[in-house]
């Protein structure tokens, strides 16, 4: 299955198009100064790969409400409070998207 993998951190954001465990495309950049700019950069970067993917998975570097798919806050970048990140990316990339806190995503990766 091809998926977009996106990691939003306080200092760096990374994105990749994956086919199972194989990187097909990948890039990273310094995290923008606001949530709005960060989402715009993610969409600009990933829209070229979106038509090749079946879904997107996002790790968010801060408290995240998984049940509502909503950012609680970022300790490093302003503007994330209350952002419905998965909904925003689903609309922009036209892909089913699931987000969780980066520590939870890392634990899931180790489990798998």
Protein backbone atom coordinates (compact mmCIF):
# COMPACT_ATOMS: atom_id res chain seq x y z
CA UNK A 1 0.00 0.00 0.00
CA UNK A 2 1.30 3.46 -0.87
CA UNK A 3 0.97 6.08 1.84
CA UNK A 4 2.14 9.58 2.55
CA UNK A 5 4.07 9.67 5.80
CA UNK A 6 4.37 13.10 7.41
CA UNK A 7 6.26 14.00 10.59
CA UNK A 8 5.63 17.46 12.06
CA UNK A 9 8.22 18.45 14.64
CA UNK A 10 9.19 21.62 16.42
CA UNK A 11 12.28 22.25 14.30
CA UNK A 12 11.87 19.98 11.27
CA UNK A 13 9.03 18.61 9.16
CA UNK A 14 9.53 15.57 6.93
CA UNK A 15 7.38 13.90 4.30
CA UNK A 16 7.71 10.73 2.28
CA UNK A 17 5.80 8.66 -0.21
CA UNK A 18 6.10 5.06 0.94
CA UNK A 19 5.30 1.73 -0.65
CA UNK A 20 5.07 -0.60 2.34
CA UNK A 21 8.51 -0.07 3.94
CA UNK A 22 10.23 1.38 0.85
CA UNK A 23 10.83 5.11 0.40
CA UNK A 24 9.74 6.20 -3.09
CA UNK A 25 10.17 9.93 -2.45
CA UNK A 26 11.21 11.89 0.63
CA UNK A 27 12.15 15.36 1.75
CA UNK A 28 12.40 17.51 4.86
CA UNK A 29 12.50 21.20 5.71
CA UNK A 30 12.72 23.52 8.71
CA UNK A 31 9.35 23.80 10.41
CA UNK A 32 7.61 27.05 9.44
CA UNK A 33 6.91 29.68 12.12
CA UNK A 34 3.13 29.06 12.37
CA UNK A 35 0.69 26.18 12.01
CA UNK A 36 -0.94 27.81 8.97
CA UNK A 37 2.40 28.08 7.18
CA UNK A 38 3.27 24.51 8.18
CA UNK A 39 0.06 23.10 6.69
CA UNK A 40 0.54 25.15 3.50
CA UNK A 41 4.10 23.79 3.14
CA UNK A 42 2.94 20.20 3.74
CA UNK A 43 0.24 20.53 1.09
CA UNK A 44 2.58 22.20 -1.40
CA UNK A 45 5.17 19.48 -0.89
CA UNK A 46 2.84 16.48 -0.79
CA UNK A 47 0.24 17.32 -3.41
CA UNK A 48 2.58 16.04 -6.14
CA UNK A 49 2.59 12.60 -4.46
CA UNK A 50 -1.02 12.48 -3.27
CA UNK A 51 -2.45 10.93 -6.41
CA UNK A 52 -0.04 7.98 -5.98
CA UNK A 53 -1.08 7.29 -2.36
CA UNK A 54 -4.10 5.58 -0.83
CA UNK A 55 -3.86 7.29 2.58
CA UNK A 56 -1.76 9.61 4.73
CA UNK A 57 -0.37 9.12 8.22
CA UNK A 58 0.89 12.05 10.29
CA UNK A 59 2.94 12.21 13.46
CA UNK A 60 2.56 15.44 15.40
CA UNK A 61 5.18 16.65 17.87
CA UNK A 62 2.90 17.78 20.64
CA UNK A 63 -0.23 16.88 22.59
CA UNK A 64 -2.85 15.50 20.21
CA UNK A 65 -6.47 14.40 20.73
CA UNK A 66 -6.68 11.20 18.68
CA UNK A 67 -10.44 10.77 19.11
CA UNK A 68 -11.19 14.14 17.49
CA UNK A 69 -8.04 14.24 15.31
CA UNK A 70 -7.31 17.68 16.75
CA UNK A 71 -4.05 19.30 17.82
CA UNK A 72 -4.06 20.32 21.47
CA UNK A 73 -0.92 22.47 21.20
CA UNK A 74 2.65 22.61 20.04
CA UNK A 75 5.32 23.45 22.55
CA UNK A 76 7.47 24.99 19.79
CA UNK A 77 5.29 26.51 17.05
CA UNK A 78 2.31 28.83 17.64
CA UNK A 79 -1.14 28.41 16.16
CA UNK A 80 -1.71 24.65 16.52
CA UNK A 81 -4.26 24.87 19.36
CA UNK A 82 -7.54 23.34 18.15
CA UNK A 83 -6.37 22.68 14.57
CA UNK A 84 -8.27 19.77 13.02
CA UNK A 85 -5.14 18.60 11.24
CA UNK A 86 -6.41 15.39 9.67
CA UNK A 87 -9.51 17.10 8.29
CA UNK A 88 -7.41 19.92 6.81
CA UNK A 89 -5.02 17.52 5.10
CA UNK A 90 -7.80 15.19 3.93
CA UNK A 91 -9.50 18.08 2.17
CA UNK A 92 -6.31 19.50 0.68
CA UNK A 93 -4.77 16.21 -0.47
CA UNK A 94 -8.00 14.26 -1.10
CA UNK A 95 -6.70 11.34 0.99
CA UNK A 96 -7.96 9.63 4.13
CA UNK A 97 -5.63 10.92 6.88
CA UNK A 98 -4.93 9.81 10.44
CA UNK A 99 -2.75 11.75 12.88
CA UNK A 100 -1.41 10.97 16.33
CA UNK A 101 1.24 12.20 18.75
CA UNK A 102 4.75 11.39 17.54
CA UNK A 103 5.55 9.22 20.58
CA UNK A 104 2.46 7.07 19.95
CA UNK A 105 3.36 6.75 16.27
CA UNK A 106 6.93 5.76 17.17
CA UNK A 107 5.64 3.10 19.58
CA UNK A 108 3.34 1.72 16.89
CA UNK A 109 6.28 1.58 14.48
CA UNK A 110 8.36 -0.33 17.02
CA UNK A 111 5.48 -2.72 17.64
CA UNK A 112 5.07 -3.39 13.93
